[in-house]
Protein backbone atom coordinates (compact mmCIF):
# COMPACT_ATOMS: atom_id res chain seq x y z
CA UNK A 1 0.00 0.00 0.00
CA UNK A 2 1.40 3.39 -0.94
CA UNK A 3 0.51 6.83 0.44
CA UNK A 4 -2.26 7.46 -2.11
CA UNK A 5 -3.90 4.12 -1.36
CA UNK A 6 -3.63 4.82 2.37
CA UNK A 7 -5.32 8.21 1.92
CA UNK A 8 -8.15 6.55 -0.04
CA UNK A 9 -8.53 3.93 2.70
CA UNK A 10 -8.66 6.59 5.44
CA UNK A 11 -11.21 8.64 3.49
CA UNK A 12 -13.45 5.63 2.94
CA UNK A 13 -13.22 4.27 6.50
CA UNK A 14 -13.73 7.66 8.18
CA UNK A 15 -16.32 8.83 5.64
CA UNK A 16 -14.39 12.04 4.92
CA UNK A 17 -13.06 13.64 1.76
CA UNK A 18 -9.68 12.67 0.33
CA UNK A 19 -8.47 16.21 1.03
CA UNK A 20 -9.38 15.86 4.72
CA UNK A 21 -7.78 12.41 4.86
CA UNK A 22 -4.61 13.84 3.29
CA UNK A 23 -4.47 16.61 5.89
CA UNK A 24 -5.01 14.09 8.70
CA UNK A 25 -2.26 11.79 7.45
CA UNK A 26 0.15 14.72 6.93
CA UNK A 27 -0.62 15.94 10.47
CA UNK A 28 0.13 12.50 11.88
CA UNK A 29 3.41 12.20 9.98
CA UNK A 30 4.39 15.75 10.94
CA UNK A 31 3.66 15.10 14.61
CA UNK A 32 5.76 11.93 14.62
CA UNK A 33 8.66 13.71 12.86
CA UNK A 34 8.56 16.67 15.25
CA UNK A 35 8.53 14.43 18.31
CA UNK A 36 11.37 12.23 17.02
CA UNK A 37 13.49 15.33 16.23
CA UNK A 38 13.19 16.25 19.91
CA UNK A 39 14.38 12.71 20.85
CA UNK A 40 10.90 11.83 22.09
CA UNK A 41 8.84 8.77 21.29
CA UNK A 42 5.32 8.28 19.95
CA UNK A 43 3.31 5.38 21.34
CA UNK A 44 0.06 4.39 19.64
CA UNK A 45 -1.81 1.85 21.76
CA UNK A 46 -2.51 -1.33 19.84
CA UNK A 47 -0.18 -0.33 17.00
CA UNK A 48 3.35 0.35 18.21
CA UNK A 49 6.00 2.85 19.27
CA UNK A 50 8.19 5.13 17.18
CA UNK A 51 11.46 6.10 18.90
CA UNK A 52 14.96 7.37 18.17
CA UNK A 53 17.99 5.22 18.88
CA UNK A 54 21.68 5.96 18.57
CA UNK A 55 23.83 3.88 16.25
CA UNK A 56 27.50 3.83 17.26
CA UNK A 57 30.32 4.76 14.93
CA UNK A 58 31.81 1.73 13.22
CA UNK A 59 34.24 0.60 10.57
CA UNK A 60 32.86 -0.55 7.25
CA UNK A 61 34.22 -1.63 3.89
CA UNK A 62 33.99 0.07 0.53
CA UNK A 63 32.46 -2.72 -1.59
CA UNK A 64 34.22 -1.55 -4.73
CA UNK A 65 37.78 -1.31 -3.36
CA UNK A 66 37.60 -3.29 -0.14
CA UNK A 67 39.21 -0.39 1.72
CA UNK A 68 38.21 0.21 5.33
CA UNK A 69 36.09 3.33 5.92
CA UNK A 70 34.77 4.98 9.05
CA UNK A 71 31.01 5.28 9.37
CA UNK A 72 29.86 8.10 11.67
CA UNK A 73 27.57 7.62 14.64
CA UNK A 74 23.96 8.46 13.81
CA UNK A 75 20.51 8.81 15.30
CA UNK A 76 18.04 6.52 13.53
CA UNK A 77 14.26 6.10 13.79
CA UNK A 78 12.98 2.75 15.02
CA UNK A 79 9.51 1.23 15.13
CA UNK A 80 8.58 -1.38 17.70
CA UNK A 81 5.22 -3.05 16.93
CA UNK A 82 2.70 -3.46 19.72
CA UNK A 83 1.22 -6.74 20.86
CA UNK A 84 -2.09 -6.19 19.07
CA UNK A 85 -0.31 -5.60 15.75
CA UNK A 86 1.87 -8.69 16.23
CA UNK A 87 -1.17 -10.79 17.10
CA UNK A 88 -3.03 -9.53 14.04
CA UNK A 89 -0.32 -10.97 11.79
PDB file of N, CA and C in Angstrom:
ATOM      1  N   UNK A   1       0.857  -1.172   0.000  1.00  0.00           N
ATOM      2  CA  UNK A   1       0.000   0.000   0.000  1.00  0.00           C
ATOM      3  C   UNK A   1       0.899   1.230   0.000  1.00  0.00           C
ATOM      4  N   UNK A   2       0.639   2.147  -0.909  1.00  0.00           N
ATOM      5  CA  UNK A   2       1.405   3.389  -0.936  1.00  0.00           C
ATOM      6  C   UNK A   2       0.588   4.506  -0.271  1.00  0.00           C
ATOM      7  N   UNK A   3       1.151   5.720  -0.263  1.00  0.00           N
ATOM      8  CA  UNK A   3       0.509   6.827   0.443  1.00  0.00           C
ATOM      9  C   UNK A   3      -0.866   7.159  -0.147  1.00  0.00           C
ATOM     10  N   UNK A   4      -0.980   7.153  -1.468  1.00  0.00           N
ATOM     11  CA  UNK A   4      -2.260   7.463  -2.111  1.00  0.00           C
ATOM     12  C   UNK A   4      -3.326   6.445  -1.729  1.00  0.00           C
ATOM     13  N   UNK A   5      -2.954   5.175  -1.739  1.00  0.00           N
ATOM     14  CA  UNK A   5      -3.905   4.122  -1.359  1.00  0.00           C
ATOM     15  C   UNK A   5      -4.294   4.246   0.111  1.00  0.00           C
ATOM     16  N   UNK A   6      -3.337   4.632   0.956  1.00  0.00           N
ATOM     17  CA  UNK A   6      -3.632   4.816   2.374  1.00  0.00           C
ATOM     18  C   UNK A   6      -4.609   5.977   2.576  1.00  0.00           C
ATOM     19  N   UNK A   7      -4.412   7.063   1.841  1.00  0.00           N
ATOM     20  CA  UNK A   7      -5.318   8.206   1.923  1.00  0.00           C
ATOM     21  C   UNK A   7      -6.729   7.793   1.499  1.00  0.00           C
ATOM     22  N   UNK A   8      -6.833   7.028   0.410  1.00  0.00           N
ATOM     23  CA  UNK A   8      -8.148   6.553  -0.043  1.00  0.00           C
ATOM     24  C   UNK A   8      -8.800   5.672   1.020  1.00  0.00           C
ATOM     25  N   UNK A   9      -8.016   4.816   1.655  1.00  0.00           N
ATOM     26  CA  UNK A   9      -8.534   3.934   2.703  1.00  0.00           C
ATOM     27  C   UNK A   9      -9.035   4.746   3.898  1.00  0.00           C
ATOM     28  N   UNK A  10      -8.262   5.738   4.319  1.00  0.00           N
ATOM     29  CA  UNK A  10      -8.662   6.585   5.444  1.00  0.00           C
ATOM     30  C   UNK A  10      -9.950   7.325   5.106  1.00  0.00           C
ATOM     31  N   UNK A  11     -10.018   7.894   3.899  1.00  0.00           N
ATOM     32  CA  UNK A  11     -11.207   8.645   3.485  1.00  0.00           C
ATOM     33  C   UNK A  11     -12.440   7.760   3.501  1.00  0.00           C
ATOM     34  N   UNK A  12     -12.302   6.544   3.001  1.00  0.00           N
ATOM     35  CA  UNK A  12     -13.445   5.628   2.936  1.00  0.00           C
ATOM     36  C   UNK A  12     -13.871   5.176   4.334  1.00  0.00           C
ATOM     37  N   UNK A  13     -12.905   4.780   5.166  1.00  0.00           N
ATOM     38  CA  UNK A  13     -13.217   4.269   6.503  1.00  0.00           C
ATOM     39  C   UNK A  13     -13.795   5.346   7.420  1.00  0.00           C
ATOM     40  N   UNK A  14     -13.282   6.576   7.300  1.00  0.00           N
ATOM     41  CA  UNK A  14     -13.731   7.657   8.181  1.00  0.00           C
ATOM     42  C   UNK A  14     -14.870   8.465   7.568  1.00  0.00           C
ATOM     43  N   UNK A  15     -15.247   8.126   6.350  1.00  0.00           N
ATOM     44  CA  UNK A  15     -16.316   8.827   5.644  1.00  0.00           C
ATOM     45  C   UNK A  15     -16.030  10.333   5.568  1.00  0.00           C
ATOM     46  N   UNK A  16     -14.803  10.642   5.118  1.00  0.00           N
ATOM     47  CA  UNK A  16     -14.388  12.037   4.921  1.00  0.00           C
ATOM     48  C   UNK A  16     -13.824  12.179   3.511  1.00  0.00           C
ATOM     49  N   UNK A  17     -13.596  13.411   3.096  1.00  0.00           N
ATOM     50  CA  UNK A  17     -13.059  13.635   1.756  1.00  0.00           C
ATOM     51  C   UNK A  17     -11.587  13.228   1.709  1.00  0.00           C
ATOM     52  N   UNK A  18     -11.094  13.006   0.487  1.00  0.00           N
ATOM     53  CA  UNK A  18      -9.685  12.669   0.333  1.00  0.00           C
ATOM     54  C   UNK A  18      -8.792  13.814   0.782  1.00  0.00           C
ATOM     55  N   UNK A  19      -9.242  15.046   0.585  1.00  0.00           N
ATOM     56  CA  UNK A  19      -8.465  16.208   1.033  1.00  0.00           C
ATOM     57  C   UNK A  19      -8.326  16.213   2.550  1.00  0.00           C
ATOM     58  N   UNK A  20      -9.414  15.913   3.253  1.00  0.00           N
ATOM     59  CA  UNK A  20      -9.379  15.861   4.717  1.00  0.00           C
ATOM     60  C   UNK A  20      -8.511  14.695   5.185  1.00  0.00           C
ATOM     61  N   UNK A  21      -8.599  13.570   4.509  1.00  0.00           N
ATOM     62  CA  UNK A  21      -7.778  12.414   4.861  1.00  0.00           C
ATOM     63  C   UNK A  21      -6.298  12.717   4.638  1.00  0.00           C
ATOM     64  N   UNK A  22      -5.997  13.451   3.561  1.00  0.00           N
ATOM     65  CA  UNK A  22      -4.609  13.839   3.288  1.00  0.00           C
ATOM     66  C   UNK A  22      -4.084  14.735   4.402  1.00  0.00           C
ATOM     67  N   UNK A  23      -4.893  15.718   4.814  1.00  0.00           N
ATOM     68  CA  UNK A  23      -4.472  16.612   5.891  1.00  0.00           C
ATOM     69  C   UNK A  23      -4.273  15.841   7.191  1.00  0.00           C
ATOM     70  N   UNK A  24      -5.133  14.884   7.474  1.00  0.00           N
ATOM     71  CA  UNK A  24      -5.015  14.088   8.697  1.00  0.00           C
ATOM     72  C   UNK A  24      -3.742  13.252   8.681  1.00  0.00           C
ATOM     73  N   UNK A  25      -3.464  12.620   7.552  1.00  0.00           N
ATOM     74  CA  UNK A  25      -2.255  11.795   7.446  1.00  0.00           C
ATOM     75  C   UNK A  25      -1.002  12.653   7.546  1.00  0.00           C
ATOM     76  N   UNK A  26      -1.000  13.809   6.863  1.00  0.00           N
ATOM     77  CA  UNK A  26       0.152  14.723   6.926  1.00  0.00           C
ATOM     78  C   UNK A  26       0.355  15.237   8.349  1.00  0.00           C
ATOM     79  N   UNK A  27      -0.726  15.498   9.079  1.00  0.00           N
ATOM     80  CA  UNK A  27      -0.625  15.944  10.467  1.00  0.00           C
ATOM     81  C   UNK A  27      -0.013  14.857  11.342  1.00  0.00           C
ATOM     82  N   UNK A  28      -0.417  13.617  11.122  1.00  0.00           N
ATOM     83  CA  UNK A  28       0.128  12.495  11.881  1.00  0.00           C
ATOM     84  C   UNK A  28       1.623  12.346  11.611  1.00  0.00           C
ATOM     85  N   UNK A  29       2.003  12.347  10.349  1.00  0.00           N
ATOM     86  CA  UNK A  29       3.414  12.196   9.980  1.00  0.00           C
ATOM     87  C   UNK A  29       4.231  13.367  10.533  1.00  0.00           C
ATOM     88  N   UNK A  30       3.698  14.581  10.420  1.00  0.00           N
ATOM     89  CA  UNK A  30       4.391  15.754  10.945  1.00  0.00           C
ATOM     90  C   UNK A  30       4.575  15.686  12.450  1.00  0.00           C
ATOM     91  N   UNK A  31       3.562  15.233  13.155  1.00  0.00           N
ATOM     92  CA  UNK A  31       3.657  15.096  14.610  1.00  0.00           C
ATOM     93  C   UNK A  31       4.704  14.078  15.028  1.00  0.00           C
ATOM     94  N   UNK A  32       4.759  12.963  14.316  1.00  0.00           N
ATOM     95  CA  UNK A  32       5.757  11.931  14.621  1.00  0.00           C
ATOM     96  C   UNK A  32       7.161  12.477  14.351  1.00  0.00           C
ATOM     97  N   UNK A  33       7.350  13.148  13.200  1.00  0.00           N
ATOM     98  CA  UNK A  33       8.664  13.715  12.862  1.00  0.00           C
ATOM     99  C   UNK A  33       9.118  14.731  13.904  1.00  0.00           C
ATOM    100  N   UNK A  34       8.223  15.630  14.279  1.00  0.00           N
ATOM    101  CA  UNK A  34       8.564  16.670  15.254  1.00  0.00           C
ATOM    102  C   UNK A  34       8.978  16.062  16.585  1.00  0.00           C
ATOM    103  N   UNK A  35       8.226  15.074  17.038  1.00  0.00           N
ATOM    104  CA  UNK A  35       8.531  14.427  18.312  1.00  0.00           C
ATOM    105  C   UNK A  35       9.860  13.682  18.247  1.00  0.00           C
ATOM    106  N   UNK A  36      10.119  12.973  17.154  1.00  0.00           N
ATOM    107  CA  UNK A  36      11.373  12.231  17.025  1.00  0.00           C
ATOM    108  C   UNK A  36      12.573  13.174  16.930  1.00  0.00           C
ATOM    109  N   UNK A  37      12.396  14.346  16.298  1.00  0.00           N
ATOM    110  CA  UNK A  37      13.487  15.327  16.227  1.00  0.00           C
ATOM    111  C   UNK A  37      13.885  15.803  17.612  1.00  0.00           C
ATOM    112  N   UNK A  38      12.925  15.824  18.535  1.00  0.00           N
ATOM    113  CA  UNK A  38      13.190  16.246  19.911  1.00  0.00           C
ATOM    114  C   UNK A  38      13.612  15.064  20.786  1.00  0.00           C
ATOM    115  N   UNK A  39      13.973  13.949  20.165  1.00  0.00           N
ATOM    116  CA  UNK A  39      14.381  12.714  20.852  1.00  0.00           C
ATOM    117  C   UNK A  39      13.275  12.126  21.710  1.00  0.00           C
ATOM    118  N   UNK A  40      12.037  12.400  21.378  1.00  0.00           N
ATOM    119  CA  UNK A  40      10.904  11.828  22.090  1.00  0.00           C
ATOM    120  C   UNK A  40      10.474  10.525  21.434  1.00  0.00           C
ATOM    121  N   UNK A  41       9.391   9.971  21.905  1.00  0.00           N
ATOM    122  CA  UNK A  41       8.838   8.768  21.290  1.00  0.00           C
ATOM    123  C   UNK A  41       7.330   8.936  21.169  1.00  0.00           C
ATOM    124  N   UNK A  42       6.754   8.235  20.198  1.00  0.00           N
ATOM    125  CA  UNK A  42       5.321   8.285  19.951  1.00  0.00           C
ATOM    126  C   UNK A  42       4.774   6.875  20.109  1.00  0.00           C
ATOM    127  N   UNK A  43       3.897   6.686  21.090  1.00  0.00           N
ATOM    128  CA  UNK A  43       3.305   5.377  21.340  1.00  0.00           C
ATOM    129  C   UNK A  43       1.841   5.415  20.937  1.00  0.00           C
ATOM    130  N   UNK A  44       1.448   4.509  20.064  1.00  0.00           N
ATOM    131  CA  UNK A  44       0.055   4.394  19.642  1.00  0.00           C
ATOM    132  C   UNK A  44      -0.441   3.043  20.149  1.00  0.00           C
ATOM    133  N   UNK A  45      -1.325   3.080  21.122  1.00  0.00           N
ATOM    134  CA  UNK A  45      -1.808   1.853  21.756  1.00  0.00           C
ATOM    135  C   UNK A  45      -2.403   0.918  20.714  1.00  0.00           C
ATOM    136  N   UNK A  46      -2.008  -0.332  20.768  1.00  0.00           N
ATOM    137  CA  UNK A  46      -2.513  -1.333  19.839  1.00  0.00           C
ATOM    138  C   UNK A  46      -1.790  -1.350  18.504  1.00  0.00           C
ATOM    139  N   UNK A  47      -0.903  -0.390  18.270  1.00  0.00           N
ATOM    140  CA  UNK A  47      -0.176  -0.333  17.002  1.00  0.00           C
ATOM    141  C   UNK A  47       1.317  -0.485  17.221  1.00  0.00           C
ATOM    142  N   UNK A  48       1.926   0.444  17.958  1.00  0.00           N
ATOM    143  CA  UNK A  48       3.353   0.346  18.207  1.00  0.00           C
ATOM    144  C   UNK A  48       3.940   1.659  18.686  1.00  0.00           C
ATOM    145  N   UNK A  49       5.285   1.684  18.763  1.00  0.00           N
ATOM    146  CA  UNK A  49       6.002   2.846  19.270  1.00  0.00           C
ATOM    147  C   UNK A  49       7.089   3.260  18.296  1.00  0.00           C
ATOM    148  N   UNK A  50       7.114   4.551  17.971  1.00  0.00           N
ATOM    149  CA  UNK A  50       8.191   5.131  17.185  1.00  0.00           C
ATOM    150  C   UNK A  50       9.160   5.776  18.167  1.00  0.00           C
ATOM    151  N   UNK A  51      10.457   5.530  18.000  1.00  0.00           N
ATOM    152  CA  UNK A  51      11.463   6.097  18.897  1.00  0.00           C
ATOM    153  C   UNK A  51      12.747   6.348  18.123  1.00  0.00           C
ATOM    154  N   UNK A  52      13.655   7.092  18.752  1.00  0.00           N
ATOM    155  CA  UNK A  52      14.963   7.374  18.166  1.00  0.00           C
ATOM    156  C   UNK A  52      16.001   6.584  18.947  1.00  0.00           C
ATOM    157  N   UNK A  53      16.883   5.915  18.231  1.00  0.00           N
ATOM    158  CA  UNK A  53      17.990   5.224  18.879  1.00  0.00           C
ATOM    159  C   UNK A  53      19.295   5.732  18.287  1.00  0.00           C
ATOM    160  N   UNK A  54      20.366   5.530  19.034  1.00  0.00           N
ATOM    161  CA  UNK A  54      21.675   5.960  18.570  1.00  0.00           C
ATOM    162  C   UNK A  54      22.431   4.754  18.029  1.00  0.00           C
ATOM    163  N   UNK A  55      22.999   4.923  16.848  1.00  0.00           N
ATOM    164  CA  UNK A  55      23.825   3.878  16.255  1.00  0.00           C
ATOM    165  C   UNK A  55      25.266   4.328  16.410  1.00  0.00           C
ATOM    166  N   UNK A  56      26.107   3.488  16.986  1.00  0.00           N
ATOM    167  CA  UNK A  56      27.500   3.832  17.264  1.00  0.00           C
ATOM    168  C   UNK A  56      28.309   3.931  15.971  1.00  0.00           C
ATOM    169  N   UNK A  57      29.406   4.682  16.061  1.00  0.00           N
ATOM    170  CA  UNK A  57      30.321   4.755  14.927  1.00  0.00           C
ATOM    171  C   UNK A  57      30.946   3.373  14.729  1.00  0.00           C
ATOM    172  N   UNK A  58      31.245   3.046  13.481  1.00  0.00           N
ATOM    173  CA  UNK A  58      31.809   1.726  13.217  1.00  0.00           C
ATOM    174  C   UNK A  58      32.676   1.774  11.970  1.00  0.00           C
ATOM    175  N   UNK A  59      33.411   0.710  11.757  1.00  0.00           N
ATOM    176  CA  UNK A  59      34.241   0.601  10.568  1.00  0.00           C
ATOM    177  C   UNK A  59      33.523  -0.269   9.554  1.00  0.00           C
ATOM    178  N   UNK A  60      33.481   0.209   8.331  1.00  0.00           N
ATOM    179  CA  UNK A  60      32.856  -0.552   7.253  1.00  0.00           C
ATOM    180  C   UNK A  60      33.842  -0.793   6.135  1.00  0.00           C
ATOM    181  N   UNK A  61      33.373  -1.357   5.056  1.00  0.00           N
ATOM    182  CA  UNK A  61      34.220  -1.633   3.895  1.00  0.00           C
ATOM    183  C   UNK A  61      33.599  -1.020   2.655  1.00  0.00           C
ATOM    184  N   UNK A  62      34.428  -0.402   1.835  1.00  0.00           N
ATOM    185  CA  UNK A  62      33.991   0.074   0.531  1.00  0.00           C
ATOM    186  C   UNK A  62      33.849  -1.165  -0.345  1.00  0.00           C
ATOM    187  N   UNK A  63      32.648  -1.479  -0.830  1.00  0.00           N
ATOM    188  CA  UNK A  63      32.456  -2.717  -1.589  1.00  0.00           C
ATOM    189  C   UNK A  63      33.229  -2.747  -2.909  1.00  0.00           C
ATOM    190  N   UNK A  64      33.507  -1.591  -3.460  1.00  0.00           N
ATOM    191  CA  UNK A  64      34.223  -1.547  -4.732  1.00  0.00           C
ATOM    192  C   UNK A  64      35.717  -1.814  -4.567  1.00  0.00           C
ATOM    193  N   UNK A  65      36.321  -1.181  -3.527  1.00  0.00           N
ATOM    194  CA  UNK A  65      37.778  -1.308  -3.358  1.00  0.00           C
ATOM    195  C   UNK A  65      38.177  -2.229  -2.218  1.00  0.00           C
ATOM    196  N   UNK A  66      37.268  -2.465  -1.297  1.00  0.00           N
ATOM    197  CA  UNK A  66      37.603  -3.291  -0.144  1.00  0.00           C
ATOM    198  C   UNK A  66      38.306  -2.509   0.953  1.00  0.00           C
ATOM    199  N   UNK A  67      38.512  -1.205   0.735  1.00  0.00           N
ATOM    200  CA  UNK A  67      39.207  -0.387   1.721  1.00  0.00           C
ATOM    201  C   UNK A  67      38.315  -0.142   2.932  1.00  0.00           C
ATOM    202  N   UNK A  68      38.946  -0.062   4.101  1.00  0.00           N
ATOM    203  CA  UNK A  68      38.207   0.213   5.330  1.00  0.00           C
ATOM    204  C   UNK A  68      37.805   1.683   5.353  1.00  0.00           C
ATOM    205  N   UNK A  69      36.566   1.957   5.780  1.00  0.00           N
ATOM    206  CA  UNK A  69      36.087   3.332   5.916  1.00  0.00           C
ATOM    207  C   UNK A  69      35.420   3.484   7.276  1.00  0.00           C
ATOM    208  N   UNK A  70      35.420   4.705   7.771  1.00  0.00           N
ATOM    209  CA  UNK A  70      34.769   4.982   9.049  1.00  0.00           C
ATOM    210  C   UNK A  70      33.351   5.464   8.772  1.00  0.00           C
ATOM    211  N   UNK A  71      32.405   4.884   9.479  1.00  0.00           N
ATOM    212  CA  UNK A  71      31.007   5.281   9.370  1.00  0.00           C
ATOM    213  C   UNK A  71      30.666   6.024  10.660  1.00  0.00           C
ATOM    214  N   UNK A  72      30.157   7.253  10.510  1.00  0.00           N
ATOM    215  CA  UNK A  72      29.861   8.100  11.667  1.00  0.00           C
ATOM    216  C   UNK A  72      28.721   7.535  12.508  1.00  0.00           C
ATOM    217  N   UNK A  73      28.698   7.941  13.761  1.00  0.00           N
ATOM    218  CA  UNK A  73      27.574   7.620  14.636  1.00  0.00           C
ATOM    219  C   UNK A  73      26.355   8.377  14.110  1.00  0.00           C
ATOM    220  N   UNK A  74      25.179   7.828  14.326  1.00  0.00           N
ATOM    221  CA  UNK A  74      23.965   8.455  13.805  1.00  0.00           C
ATOM    222  C   UNK A  74      22.781   8.160  14.710  1.00  0.00           C
ATOM    223  N   UNK A  75      21.794   9.059  14.646  1.00  0.00           N
ATOM    224  CA  UNK A  75      20.513   8.806  15.296  1.00  0.00           C
ATOM    225  C   UNK A  75      19.591   8.258  14.225  1.00  0.00           C
ATOM    226  N   UNK A  76      18.912   7.157  14.515  1.00  0.00           N
ATOM    227  CA  UNK A  76      18.043   6.518  13.528  1.00  0.00           C
ATOM    228  C   UNK A  76      16.656   6.264  14.125  1.00  0.00           C
ATOM    229  N   UNK A  77      15.613   6.392  13.298  1.00  0.00           N
ATOM    230  CA  UNK A  77      14.264   6.097  13.792  1.00  0.00           C
ATOM    231  C   UNK A  77      14.050   4.588  13.856  1.00  0.00           C
ATOM    232  N   UNK A  78      13.322   4.166  14.863  1.00  0.00           N
ATOM    233  CA  UNK A  78      12.980   2.750  15.025  1.00  0.00           C
ATOM    234  C   UNK A  78      11.487   2.630  15.275  1.00  0.00           C
ATOM    235  N   UNK A  79      10.916   1.520  14.843  1.00  0.00           N
ATOM    236  CA  UNK A  79       9.510   1.230  15.127  1.00  0.00           C
ATOM    237  C   UNK A  79       9.439  -0.107  15.821  1.00  0.00           C
ATOM    238  N   UNK A  80       8.778  -0.145  16.963  1.00  0.00           N
ATOM    239  CA  UNK A  80       8.576  -1.383  17.705  1.00  0.00           C
ATOM    240  C   UNK A  80       7.093  -1.687  17.705  1.00  0.00           C
ATOM    241  N   UNK A  81       6.655  -2.746  17.004  1.00  0.00           N
ATOM    242  CA  UNK A  81       5.225  -3.046  16.928  1.00  0.00           C
ATOM    243  C   UNK A  81       4.658  -3.449  18.278  1.00  0.00           C
ATOM    244  N   UNK A  82       3.397  -3.093  18.499  1.00  0.00           N
ATOM    245  CA  UNK A  82       2.703  -3.456  19.719  1.00  0.00           C
ATOM    246  C   UNK A  82       2.158  -4.869  19.650  1.00  0.00           C
ATOM    247  N   UNK A  83       1.719  -5.363  20.776  1.00  0.00           N
ATOM    248  CA  UNK A  83       1.220  -6.737  20.862  1.00  0.00           C
ATOM    249  C   UNK A  83       0.019  -6.969  19.946  1.00  0.00           C
ATOM    250  N   UNK A  84      -0.906  -6.020  19.899  1.00  0.00           N
ATOM    251  CA  UNK A  84      -2.091  -6.190  19.068  1.00  0.00           C
ATOM    252  C   UNK A  84      -1.732  -6.301  17.589  1.00  0.00           C
ATOM    253  N   UNK A  85      -0.745  -5.531  17.150  1.00  0.00           N
ATOM    254  CA  UNK A  85      -0.306  -5.599  15.752  1.00  0.00           C
ATOM    255  C   UNK A  85       0.368  -6.941  15.478  1.00  0.00           C
ATOM    256  N   UNK A  86       1.210  -7.386  16.394  1.00  0.00           N
ATOM    257  CA  UNK A  86       1.873  -8.686  16.228  1.00  0.00           C
ATOM    258  C   UNK A  86       0.845  -9.820  16.178  1.00  0.00           C
ATOM    259  N   UNK A  87      -0.141  -9.747  17.064  1.00  0.00           N
ATOM    260  CA  UNK A  87      -1.172 -10.791  17.101  1.00  0.00           C
ATOM    261  C   UNK A  87      -2.041 -10.803  15.846  1.00  0.00           C
ATOM    262  N   UNK A  88      -2.213  -9.624  15.241  1.00  0.00           N
ATOM    263  CA  UNK A  88      -3.034  -9.533  14.037  1.00  0.00           C
ATOM    264  C   UNK A  88      -2.359 -10.205  12.836  1.00  0.00           C
ATOM    265  N   UNK A  89      -1.053 -10.332  12.900  1.00  0.00           N
ATOM    266  CA  UNK A  89      -0.323 -10.974  11.793  1.00  0.00           C
ATOM    267  C   UNK A  89      -0.233 -12.447  12.039  1.00  0.00           C
TER     268      UNK A  89
END
